[in-house]
Amino acid sequence: MKTHKIITIDQSTSATKAMLFTEECQLLHRVNIDHHQYYPQNGWVEHDAEEIYDNTVKAIQFLLEKEDKRASYSLAITNQRETVVVWNRKTGKPVSRAVVWQCQRGVDICNELKTSGYAAWVQEKSGLLIDPYFSASGVKWILDHIEGARELAQQGDLLLGTIDSWLIWKLTGGKVHATDYTNASRTLLFNIHTLNWDQELLSLFTIPQSMVPMALPCDSIFGETTIEGLFEHPIQIAGVLGDSHGALTGQMCFESGMGKATYGTGSSVMVNIGEKVATPPKGLVTSVGFAALGKVFYAFEGNIHCTGATIKWLVDNLKLIDSPKDAEAIATSVNDNGGIYFVPAFAGLGAPWWNPDVKAAIFGMTLGTQRAHILRAALESIVYQIKDLTDMMTKTAGIELKELRVDGGPTKNQFLMQFQADMLQTTINRSAVEEASALGAVIMNGFARKVWSSFQQVSSLRKTDHLISPQMADDKVEALYRLWHNAVIQLTK
């Protein structure tokens, strides 16, 4: 019997990665190709969709240079979400560059809709906030501003899609126009209750329904491809989902109450809330977490602007330490934070405070304050912000946080992870897998091809680097967290 290998594309905001996995979820090889970022105006961000497709093909070619292409292969995809492409179904050419999730060109469209009172109605249907971060306003802008685009769309000649949909269409030679539920749920055009494109939302953004792709569960077979003739016989495209959803799945958060936090410059927090839609806390969103094995799980999601960025600021701007790696040793050289609380509102305060106008501050300094106290307070601020979000999510959904599964460079900081476990009063499960998003796509690929038939089967394959259990007494947790809240309240007065 041939060994089957899974080619996995992780198409991110800055690069396209091609990875090769075994069916035991082992990463064998990886190739990375960057693509250009275009900034035609202040606040605008664009990608060349054709460059991304070309890089995808090249990355797979490089990946397989030393592989036997006669072996058994399939292809899985995970991708940057919300970035949207509009292309002509007859010519196969985009009508403009892709509008990236960071792009603010749709801000006036969104503000007009919010001023007109549509915010609550749109969130009820889509789970999302009216914001240019999501795809719909980018599509409307293209139709309104690219010469001839609206006329072509009304004739049925234009298609739209997130990057996964564009890649599927190109890889299948234009035979398949499809996406998965997770990517669809990030467009502002998809009804997360009915799991269908919503005609009223499409009409609100003046987008013809003929443009949207077929939406399928993540563990579907999306078509077949030879990858531009790389394979003599077509291989299956199986398993597709957005990158944050891929990380939730790759971390194997298959049960309600399981969450994942990715620690980086900022932090992305997503909690599985189960099989029923729930209204998210203010400023957060509800999305399809993943859809597999006939089930659909929903998730709350929120993002924190400054976590690792706070430590980088202490390195680059204040020169308190030479490297982020030095933070733990110095922070743990003192027994506590010395009464110091660091509120890193460098980009304002997000959930649950929602005050964009405040600035970062350090509270409680005395003549006895040492740099170790400031470093410790900075690390603690990361933990407090994660707790703010997870507490709000679980309370709103009426669930208990069973475990927080974590990934990213800062998770190697043992003090940070122990303090996180203490503040959440739950187990921190640190992943041994670097490429959590890609692993999520591999899992969906395996479900699609019937390699596994249950979530339990897959969970047994997860490798854990470390389990960290809470050690701090409840009353001390409450006291420290109350002082954090007091500091934030002082800042917002």
Protein backbone atom coordinates (compact mmCIF):
# COMPACT_ATOMS: atom_id res chain seq x y z
CA MET A 1 0.00 0.00 0.00
CA LYS A 2 1.34 3.44 -0.95
CA THR A 3 2.21 5.89 1.80
CA HIS A 4 -0.07 8.92 1.54
CA LYS A 5 1.34 12.41 2.08
CA ILE A 6 -0.59 15.65 2.47
CA ILE A 7 0.62 18.79 0.70
CA THR A 8 -0.58 21.67 2.84
CA ILE A 9 -0.71 25.28 1.69
CA ASP A 10 -0.64 27.92 4.43
CA GLN A 11 -1.26 31.13 2.50
CA SER A 12 -0.64 33.96 4.96
CA THR A 13 -0.61 37.74 4.79
CA SER A 14 3.12 37.93 4.08
CA ALA A 15 4.02 34.61 2.45
CA THR A 16 2.91 31.29 1.03
CA LYS A 17 4.14 28.19 2.83
CA ALA A 18 3.95 24.73 1.33
CA MET A 19 4.35 21.88 3.81
CA LEU A 20 4.39 18.12 3.53
CA PHE A 21 2.75 16.09 6.30
CA THR A 22 2.29 12.38 6.94
CA GLU A 23 -1.06 10.96 7.98
CA GLU A 24 0.42 10.73 11.49
CA CYS A 25 0.48 14.56 11.44
CA GLN A 26 4.27 14.68 11.20
CA LEU A 27 5.75 17.65 9.34
CA LEU A 28 8.37 16.45 6.84
CA HIS A 29 9.38 19.50 4.78
CA ARG A 30 8.52 23.17 4.41
CA VAL A 31 9.02 25.82 1.70
CA ASN A 32 8.32 29.53 2.18
CA ILE A 33 7.91 32.19 -0.57
CA ASP A 34 7.16 35.83 0.30
CA HIS A 35 4.88 38.01 -1.80
CA HIS A 36 4.76 41.78 -2.30
CA GLN A 37 2.74 44.14 -0.15
CA TYR A 38 1.21 47.10 -2.00
CA TYR A 39 0.27 50.37 -0.26
CA PRO A 40 -1.17 52.59 -3.03
CA GLN A 41 -2.68 55.09 -0.57
CA ASN A 42 -2.48 55.76 3.14
CA GLY A 43 -4.40 52.99 4.90
CA TRP A 44 -4.77 50.82 1.78
CA VAL A 45 -3.18 47.37 1.57
CA GLU A 46 -3.25 45.15 -1.53
CA HIS A 47 -1.90 41.81 -2.74
CA ASP A 48 -1.43 40.54 -6.28
CA ALA A 49 -3.66 37.45 -6.41
CA GLU A 50 -1.90 36.10 -9.49
CA GLU A 51 1.47 36.40 -7.75
CA ILE A 52 0.05 34.47 -4.79
CA TYR A 53 -1.19 31.71 -7.09
CA ASP A 54 2.14 31.54 -8.94
CA ASN A 55 3.98 31.36 -5.60
CA THR A 56 1.66 28.58 -4.47
CA VAL A 57 2.54 26.49 -7.52
CA LYS A 58 6.26 27.27 -7.17
CA ALA A 59 6.27 26.41 -3.46
CA ILE A 60 4.67 23.03 -4.17
CA GLN A 61 7.17 22.37 -6.97
CA PHE A 62 10.09 23.12 -4.63
CA LEU A 63 8.52 21.02 -1.90
CA LEU A 64 8.26 17.98 -4.13
CA GLU A 65 11.62 18.25 -5.91
CA LYS A 66 13.03 15.22 -4.09
CA GLU A 67 9.71 13.42 -3.66
CA ASP A 68 8.30 10.61 -5.78
CA LYS A 69 5.33 12.23 -7.52
CA ARG A 70 3.96 8.78 -8.32
CA ALA A 71 3.28 8.31 -4.61
CA SER A 72 -0.14 9.07 -3.15
CA TYR A 73 -0.83 12.75 -2.40
CA SER A 74 -3.67 15.13 -1.64
CA LEU A 75 -3.78 18.90 -1.06
CA ALA A 76 -5.13 20.87 1.93
CA ILE A 77 -5.42 24.68 2.26
CA THR A 78 -5.45 27.15 5.13
CA ASN A 79 -5.33 30.86 4.40
CA GLN A 80 -5.29 34.47 5.51
CA ARG A 81 -8.91 35.33 6.15
CA GLU A 82 -11.03 38.25 4.90
CA THR A 83 -8.60 39.22 2.08
CA VAL A 84 -10.81 39.17 -1.00
CA VAL A 85 -10.31 38.77 -4.75
CA VAL A 86 -12.74 39.72 -7.53
CA TRP A 87 -12.02 38.12 -10.91
CA ASN A 88 -13.54 37.60 -14.34
CA ARG A 89 -14.80 34.03 -14.79
CA LYS A 90 -14.22 34.22 -18.57
CA THR A 91 -10.67 35.60 -18.63
CA GLY A 92 -9.55 34.21 -15.28
CA LYS A 93 -8.02 37.59 -14.46
CA PRO A 94 -8.63 39.65 -11.30
CA VAL A 95 -10.23 43.03 -12.02
CA SER A 96 -7.95 44.63 -9.40
CA ARG A 97 -5.45 43.63 -6.78
CA ALA A 98 -6.85 41.75 -3.79
CA VAL A 99 -8.15 43.91 -0.94
CA VAL A 100 -6.28 42.76 2.17
CA TRP A 101 -7.92 42.40 5.60
CA GLN A 102 -5.76 45.28 6.87
CA CYS A 103 -7.06 47.65 4.17
CA GLN A 104 -9.18 50.60 5.30
CA ARG A 105 -10.65 51.66 1.93
CA GLY A 106 -14.08 50.43 2.98
CA VAL A 107 -14.26 52.56 6.12
CA ASP A 108 -16.69 55.12 4.66
CA ILE A 109 -18.99 52.34 3.42
CA CYS A 110 -18.98 50.75 6.87
CA ASN A 111 -19.49 54.03 8.73
CA GLU A 112 -22.48 54.90 6.55
CA LEU A 113 -24.10 51.53 7.30
CA LYS A 114 -23.46 51.88 11.03
CA THR A 115 -24.85 55.43 11.03
CA SER A 116 -27.94 54.08 9.24
CA GLY A 117 -28.53 51.67 12.12
CA TYR A 118 -27.57 48.35 10.54
CA ALA A 119 -24.92 47.24 13.07
CA ALA A 120 -27.06 45.02 15.34
CA TRP A 121 -28.98 43.54 12.40
CA VAL A 122 -25.79 42.64 10.53
CA GLN A 123 -24.19 41.13 13.62
CA GLU A 124 -27.28 39.03 14.34
CA LYS A 125 -27.03 37.46 10.89
CA SER A 126 -23.27 37.27 10.35
CA GLY A 127 -21.87 37.23 13.88
CA LEU A 128 -19.53 40.06 12.84
CA LEU A 129 -19.09 43.78 13.32
CA ILE A 130 -19.56 46.13 10.37
CA ASP A 131 -15.89 46.85 9.68
CA PRO A 132 -13.54 47.09 6.69
CA TYR A 133 -11.55 44.26 8.31
CA PHE A 134 -14.13 41.89 6.80
CA SER A 135 -14.51 41.26 3.07
CA ALA A 136 -17.85 42.81 2.06
CA SER A 137 -16.90 46.51 1.95
CA GLY A 138 -13.81 45.66 -0.13
CA VAL A 139 -15.96 43.91 -2.73
CA LYS A 140 -18.45 46.78 -2.82
CA TRP A 141 -15.61 49.26 -3.24
CA ILE A 142 -14.24 47.30 -6.22
CA LEU A 143 -17.66 47.15 -7.88
CA ASP A 144 -18.22 50.87 -7.27
CA HIS A 145 -14.78 52.12 -8.33
CA ILE A 146 -13.21 49.77 -10.90
CA GLU A 147 -14.37 50.81 -14.36
CA GLY A 148 -16.90 48.38 -15.82
CA ALA A 149 -16.82 46.07 -12.78
CA ARG A 150 -20.42 46.52 -11.69
CA GLU A 151 -21.75 45.98 -15.19
CA LEU A 152 -19.71 42.76 -15.54
CA ALA A 153 -20.91 41.60 -12.12
CA GLN A 154 -24.55 42.21 -13.04
CA GLN A 155 -24.01 40.17 -16.23
CA GLY A 156 -22.76 37.28 -14.09
CA ASP A 157 -19.18 37.53 -15.39
CA LEU A 158 -17.43 38.33 -12.08
CA LEU A 159 -16.69 36.03 -9.15
CA LEU A 160 -15.54 36.86 -5.64
CA GLY A 161 -13.70 34.82 -3.11
CA THR A 162 -11.30 34.78 -0.20
CA ILE A 163 -7.82 33.47 -1.04
CA ASP A 164 -8.81 29.82 -0.55
CA SER A 165 -11.58 30.21 -3.12
CA TRP A 166 -9.25 31.90 -5.61
CA LEU A 167 -6.67 29.11 -5.23
CA ILE A 168 -9.30 26.37 -5.61
CA TRP A 169 -10.69 28.01 -8.76
CA LYS A 170 -7.22 28.35 -10.29
CA LEU A 171 -6.02 24.89 -9.27
CA THR A 172 -9.11 23.26 -10.78
CA GLY A 173 -8.81 25.21 -14.02
CA GLY A 174 -11.92 27.23 -13.24
CA LYS A 175 -14.10 24.15 -12.70
CA VAL A 176 -14.79 24.73 -8.99
CA HIS A 177 -15.84 27.98 -7.32
CA ALA A 178 -16.03 27.04 -3.64
CA THR A 179 -15.03 28.04 -0.13
CA ASP A 180 -15.54 26.59 3.33
CA TYR A 181 -17.85 27.73 6.12
CA THR A 182 -15.07 29.34 8.20
CA ASN A 183 -13.83 31.61 5.42
CA ALA A 184 -17.40 32.37 4.35
CA SER A 185 -18.23 33.38 7.92
CA ARG A 186 -15.58 36.14 7.78
CA THR A 187 -17.03 38.01 4.78
CA LEU A 188 -20.04 39.81 6.38
CA LEU A 189 -22.19 38.15 3.70
CA PHE A 190 -22.77 34.70 5.23
CA ASN A 191 -25.58 33.81 7.61
CA ILE A 192 -24.02 31.74 10.40
CA HIS A 193 -27.43 30.42 11.48
CA THR A 194 -28.53 29.03 8.10
CA LEU A 195 -24.96 28.40 6.82
CA ASN A 196 -25.90 30.04 3.52
CA TRP A 197 -25.06 33.27 1.75
CA ASP A 198 -27.59 35.81 2.96
CA GLN A 199 -29.50 37.60 0.20
CA GLU A 200 -30.31 40.56 2.45
CA LEU A 201 -26.64 41.05 3.39
CA LEU A 202 -25.61 40.76 -0.26
CA SER A 203 -28.22 43.38 -1.15
CA LEU A 204 -27.06 45.67 1.67
CA PHE A 205 -23.56 45.69 0.15
CA THR A 206 -24.98 45.74 -3.43
CA ILE A 207 -23.23 42.49 -4.38
CA PRO A 208 -24.91 40.13 -6.91
CA GLN A 209 -25.43 36.60 -5.57
CA SER A 210 -23.95 35.18 -8.78
CA MET A 211 -20.52 36.25 -7.53
CA VAL A 212 -20.31 34.14 -4.38
CA PRO A 213 -18.71 30.67 -4.18
CA MET A 214 -20.39 27.47 -3.03
CA ALA A 215 -19.87 27.16 0.74
CA LEU A 216 -18.99 23.71 2.12
CA PRO A 217 -17.94 22.15 5.44
CA CYS A 218 -14.20 22.24 6.13
CA ASP A 219 -13.83 18.48 5.67
CA SER A 220 -15.14 18.42 2.10
CA ILE A 221 -13.54 17.32 -1.14
CA PHE A 222 -13.22 20.61 -3.01
CA GLY A 223 -12.12 19.27 -6.38
CA GLU A 224 -9.13 17.80 -8.19
CA THR A 225 -5.93 19.33 -9.55
CA THR A 226 -2.74 18.41 -11.38
CA ILE A 227 -1.14 21.60 -9.98
CA GLU A 228 -0.39 22.98 -13.45
CA GLY A 229 0.72 19.58 -14.76
CA LEU A 230 3.01 18.75 -11.85
CA PHE A 231 1.08 15.51 -11.42
CA GLU A 232 0.26 13.21 -14.29
CA HIS A 233 -3.02 12.24 -12.66
CA PRO A 234 -5.17 14.70 -10.64
CA ILE A 235 -4.99 14.69 -6.84
CA GLN A 236 -7.80 15.71 -4.49
CA ILE A 237 -8.13 19.11 -2.86
CA ALA A 238 -9.47 18.02 0.54
CA GLY A 239 -9.72 20.10 3.71
CA VAL A 240 -9.95 23.91 3.69
CA LEU A 241 -10.30 26.46 6.49
CA GLY A 242 -9.15 29.93 7.57
CA ASP A 243 -5.87 30.17 9.44
CA SER A 244 -7.17 31.03 12.93
CA HIS A 245 -9.73 28.24 12.61
CA GLY A 246 -6.92 26.00 11.46
CA ALA A 247 -5.06 26.82 14.66
CA LEU A 248 -8.16 26.04 16.75
CA THR A 249 -8.46 22.69 14.97
CA GLY A 250 -4.70 22.06 14.93
CA GLN A 251 -4.72 22.61 18.69
CA MET A 252 -7.55 20.04 18.68
CA CYS A 253 -10.02 22.21 20.56
CA PHE A 254 -12.87 19.94 19.56
CA GLU A 255 -15.05 20.47 22.65
CA SER A 256 -17.06 23.38 23.95
CA GLY A 257 -15.01 25.27 26.54
CA MET A 258 -11.66 24.59 24.92
CA GLY A 259 -9.76 27.63 23.73
CA LYS A 260 -6.55 28.57 22.01
CA ALA A 261 -4.33 31.60 22.39
CA THR A 262 -1.58 32.45 19.95
CA TYR A 263 1.07 34.63 21.56
CA GLY A 264 2.95 36.88 19.19
CA THR A 265 3.23 40.64 18.64
CA GLY A 266 -0.40 40.64 19.69
CA SER A 267 -2.52 37.69 20.73
CA SER A 268 -5.43 35.94 19.05
CA VAL A 269 -7.85 34.25 21.41
CA MET A 270 -10.54 31.88 20.19
CA VAL A 271 -12.87 29.77 22.34
CA ASN A 272 -15.05 26.91 21.10
CA ILE A 273 -18.57 27.73 22.34
CA GLY A 274 -20.26 24.57 21.03
CA GLU A 275 -22.84 23.82 18.37
CA LYS A 276 -25.18 26.76 19.03
CA VAL A 277 -24.68 30.34 17.92
CA ALA A 278 -24.34 32.81 20.79
CA THR A 279 -24.23 36.61 20.70
CA PRO A 280 -20.64 37.66 21.39
CA PRO A 281 -19.54 40.13 24.05
CA LYS A 282 -19.32 43.75 22.92
CA GLY A 283 -16.60 44.23 20.35
CA LEU A 284 -15.95 40.53 19.79
CA VAL A 285 -17.28 38.33 17.01
CA THR A 286 -18.89 34.94 16.53
CA SER A 287 -17.68 32.81 13.63
CA VAL A 288 -17.97 29.24 12.50
CA GLY A 289 -15.10 27.69 14.45
CA PHE A 290 -14.96 24.62 12.19
CA ALA A 291 -17.33 22.22 10.46
CA ALA A 292 -16.47 18.54 10.27
CA LEU A 293 -17.95 15.05 10.67
CA GLY A 294 -21.44 16.42 10.19
CA LYS A 295 -21.10 18.91 13.07
CA VAL A 296 -20.67 22.68 13.11
CA PHE A 297 -18.91 24.29 16.08
CA TYR A 298 -18.99 28.04 16.68
CA ALA A 299 -16.34 30.21 18.32
CA PHE A 300 -15.94 33.59 19.95
CA GLU A 301 -12.84 35.43 18.82
CA GLY A 302 -10.98 38.46 20.03
CA ASN A 303 -7.58 40.00 19.42
CA ILE A 304 -5.21 41.87 21.74
CA HIS A 305 -2.98 44.48 20.16
CA CYS A 306 0.02 44.50 22.47
CA THR A 307 1.35 41.41 24.16
CA GLY A 308 4.76 40.45 22.76
CA ALA A 309 4.94 44.00 21.36
CA THR A 310 5.10 45.30 24.95
CA ILE A 311 8.27 43.32 25.64
CA LYS A 312 9.74 44.42 22.31
CA TRP A 313 9.06 48.03 23.33
CA LEU A 314 11.02 47.51 26.55
CA VAL A 315 13.90 46.12 24.47
CA ASP A 316 13.91 48.59 21.56
CA ASN A 317 12.70 51.82 23.13
CA LEU A 318 13.58 51.72 26.83
CA LYS A 319 16.64 49.43 26.47
CA LEU A 320 15.74 47.72 29.77
CA ILE A 321 16.91 44.37 28.37
CA ASP A 322 18.94 43.28 25.36
CA SER A 323 16.51 40.59 24.18
CA PRO A 324 12.97 39.36 24.99
CA LYS A 325 14.64 36.12 26.09
CA ASP A 326 16.15 38.02 29.05
CA ALA A 327 12.76 39.04 30.45
CA GLU A 328 11.97 35.88 32.40
CA ALA A 329 15.23 35.64 34.36
CA ILE A 330 15.11 39.30 35.40
CA ALA A 331 11.37 39.29 36.16
CA THR A 332 11.71 36.26 38.43
CA SER A 333 14.65 37.79 40.32
CA VAL A 334 12.05 39.54 42.49
CA ASN A 335 9.29 37.82 44.47
CA ASP A 336 6.44 39.96 43.12
CA ASN A 337 5.72 43.00 40.99
CA GLY A 338 6.40 45.45 43.82
CA GLY A 339 2.95 46.97 43.40
CA ILE A 340 3.61 47.83 39.73
CA TYR A 341 0.83 47.45 37.15
CA PHE A 342 1.60 47.99 33.47
CA VAL A 343 -1.37 48.75 31.21
CA PRO A 344 0.00 48.47 27.62
CA ALA A 345 -2.61 50.60 25.87
CA PHE A 346 -0.19 51.57 23.10
CA ALA A 347 -3.06 51.32 20.61
CA GLY A 348 -5.85 52.14 23.06
CA LEU A 349 -7.76 49.61 25.14
CA GLY A 350 -9.71 46.81 23.51
CA ALA A 351 -12.11 44.28 25.01
CA PRO A 352 -13.67 44.53 27.52
CA TRP A 353 -12.80 48.21 28.04
CA TRP A 354 -13.20 49.62 24.52
CA ASN A 355 -11.48 52.94 24.91
CA PRO A 356 -9.34 53.75 21.85
CA ASP A 357 -8.20 57.12 23.20
CA VAL A 358 -6.23 56.13 26.32
CA LYS A 359 -2.46 55.73 26.31
CA ALA A 360 -0.19 53.15 27.92
CA ALA A 361 0.78 53.73 31.55
CA ILE A 362 2.72 52.18 34.43
CA PHE A 363 1.13 52.52 37.87
CA GLY A 364 2.53 52.16 41.38
CA MET A 365 6.16 53.18 40.95
CA THR A 366 8.14 54.32 44.00
CA LEU A 367 11.79 55.07 44.68
CA GLY A 368 12.15 51.36 45.43
CA THR A 369 10.97 50.26 41.97
CA GLN A 370 13.52 48.22 40.04
CA ARG A 371 13.63 47.29 36.39
CA ALA A 372 12.78 43.72 37.44
CA HIS A 373 9.44 44.96 38.80
CA ILE A 374 8.65 46.72 35.53
CA LEU A 375 9.59 43.65 33.48
CA ARG A 376 7.51 41.41 35.71
CA ALA A 377 4.53 43.77 35.45
CA ALA A 378 4.89 43.81 31.66
CA LEU A 379 4.76 40.00 31.50
CA GLU A 380 1.81 39.97 33.89
CA SER A 381 -0.04 42.47 31.67
CA ILE A 382 -0.06 39.88 28.86
CA VAL A 383 -1.71 37.38 31.20
CA TYR A 384 -4.29 39.85 32.50
CA GLN A 385 -5.36 40.80 28.98
CA ILE A 386 -5.81 37.14 27.99
CA LYS A 387 -7.85 36.63 31.16
CA ASP A 388 -10.01 39.68 30.38
CA LEU A 389 -10.96 38.12 27.03
CA THR A 390 -11.40 34.49 28.05
CA ASP A 391 -13.47 35.38 31.13
CA MET A 392 -15.74 37.55 29.03
CA MET A 393 -16.13 34.87 26.35
CA THR A 394 -16.89 31.97 28.68
CA LYS A 395 -19.25 34.01 30.86
CA THR A 396 -21.21 35.19 27.83
CA ALA A 397 -21.46 31.67 26.39
CA GLY A 398 -22.31 30.18 29.79
CA ILE A 399 -19.44 27.69 29.60
CA GLU A 400 -16.41 26.86 31.70
CA LEU A 401 -12.91 27.17 30.23
CA LYS A 402 -11.70 23.58 30.32
CA GLU A 403 -8.22 24.23 29.00
CA LEU A 404 -6.28 26.91 27.14
CA ARG A 405 -4.04 25.55 24.41
CA VAL A 406 -1.25 27.92 23.53
CA ASP A 407 1.33 28.45 20.81
CA GLY A 408 3.82 31.10 19.76
CA GLY A 409 7.30 32.16 20.84
CA PRO A 410 6.40 33.74 24.22
CA THR A 411 4.94 30.41 25.42
CA LYS A 412 8.53 29.28 26.06
CA ASN A 413 8.57 31.75 28.98
CA GLN A 414 7.81 29.48 31.94
CA PHE A 415 6.90 32.32 34.31
CA LEU A 416 4.43 33.72 31.79
CA MET A 417 2.73 30.36 31.29
CA GLN A 418 2.56 29.57 35.02
CA PHE A 419 1.07 32.98 35.78
CA GLN A 420 -1.44 32.45 32.94
CA ALA A 421 -2.51 29.11 34.44
CA ASP A 422 -2.83 30.73 37.88
CA MET A 423 -4.90 33.69 36.70
CA LEU A 424 -7.25 31.52 34.61
CA GLN A 425 -7.33 28.77 37.24
CA THR A 426 -7.18 26.25 34.43
CA THR A 427 -4.59 24.08 32.71
CA ILE A 428 -2.33 25.60 30.08
CA ASN A 429 -1.54 23.07 27.36
CA ARG A 430 1.50 24.14 25.37
CA SER A 431 1.64 22.77 21.85
CA ALA A 432 4.75 21.07 20.51
CA VAL A 433 3.62 21.93 16.96
CA GLU A 434 4.85 25.15 15.36
CA GLU A 435 2.47 25.06 12.41
CA ALA A 436 -0.89 24.78 14.18
CA SER A 437 -2.90 26.31 11.30
CA ALA A 438 -1.42 23.93 8.73
CA LEU A 439 -2.02 20.98 11.05
CA GLY A 440 -5.69 22.00 11.23
CA ALA A 441 -5.91 21.76 7.44
CA VAL A 442 -4.23 18.33 7.57
CA ILE A 443 -6.85 17.16 10.08
CA MET A 444 -9.69 18.36 7.84
CA ASN A 445 -8.01 16.62 4.90
CA GLY A 446 -7.95 13.37 6.87
CA PHE A 447 -11.61 13.70 7.82
CA ALA A 448 -12.52 14.39 4.18
CA ARG A 449 -10.68 11.28 2.98
CA LYS A 450 -12.07 9.09 5.82
CA VAL A 451 -8.64 8.53 7.38
CA TRP A 452 -10.22 9.30 10.76
CA SER A 453 -13.85 8.95 11.72
CA SER A 454 -13.93 10.75 15.08
CA PHE A 455 -12.42 13.71 16.90
CA GLN A 456 -11.12 11.30 19.55
CA GLN A 457 -8.99 9.45 16.98
CA VAL A 458 -7.27 12.65 15.95
CA SER A 459 -6.85 13.95 19.49
CA SER A 460 -4.71 10.93 20.33
CA LEU A 461 -2.13 12.16 17.80
CA ARG A 462 -1.61 15.51 19.54
CA LYS A 463 1.86 16.03 20.97
CA THR A 464 2.02 18.20 24.08
CA ASP A 465 5.18 20.04 25.00
CA HIS A 466 4.09 20.80 28.54
CA LEU A 467 1.03 20.91 30.78
CA ILE A 468 1.00 23.73 33.32
CA SER A 469 -1.46 23.52 36.20
CA PRO A 470 -2.58 26.42 38.41
CA GLN A 471 -0.81 26.69 41.75
CA MET A 472 -1.96 30.03 43.17
CA ALA A 473 -4.72 30.22 45.77
CA ASP A 474 -8.06 31.64 44.62
CA ASP A 475 -8.01 34.57 47.04
CA LYS A 476 -4.59 35.71 45.80
CA VAL A 477 -5.74 35.42 42.18
CA GLU A 478 -8.74 37.61 42.95
CA ALA A 479 -6.65 40.18 44.80
CA LEU A 480 -4.09 40.54 42.02
CA TYR A 481 -6.73 40.68 39.30
CA ARG A 482 -8.68 43.33 41.23
CA LEU A 483 -5.55 45.51 41.36
CA TRP A 484 -5.16 45.12 37.58
CA HIS A 485 -8.74 46.27 37.11
CA ASN A 486 -8.12 49.23 39.41
CA ALA A 487 -5.14 50.28 37.30
CA VAL A 488 -7.16 50.10 34.11
CA ILE A 489 -10.01 52.07 35.67
CA GLN A 490 -7.55 54.79 36.79
CA LEU A 491 -6.32 55.03 33.22
CA THR A 492 -9.80 55.43 31.77
CA LYS A 493 -11.03 58.11 34.21
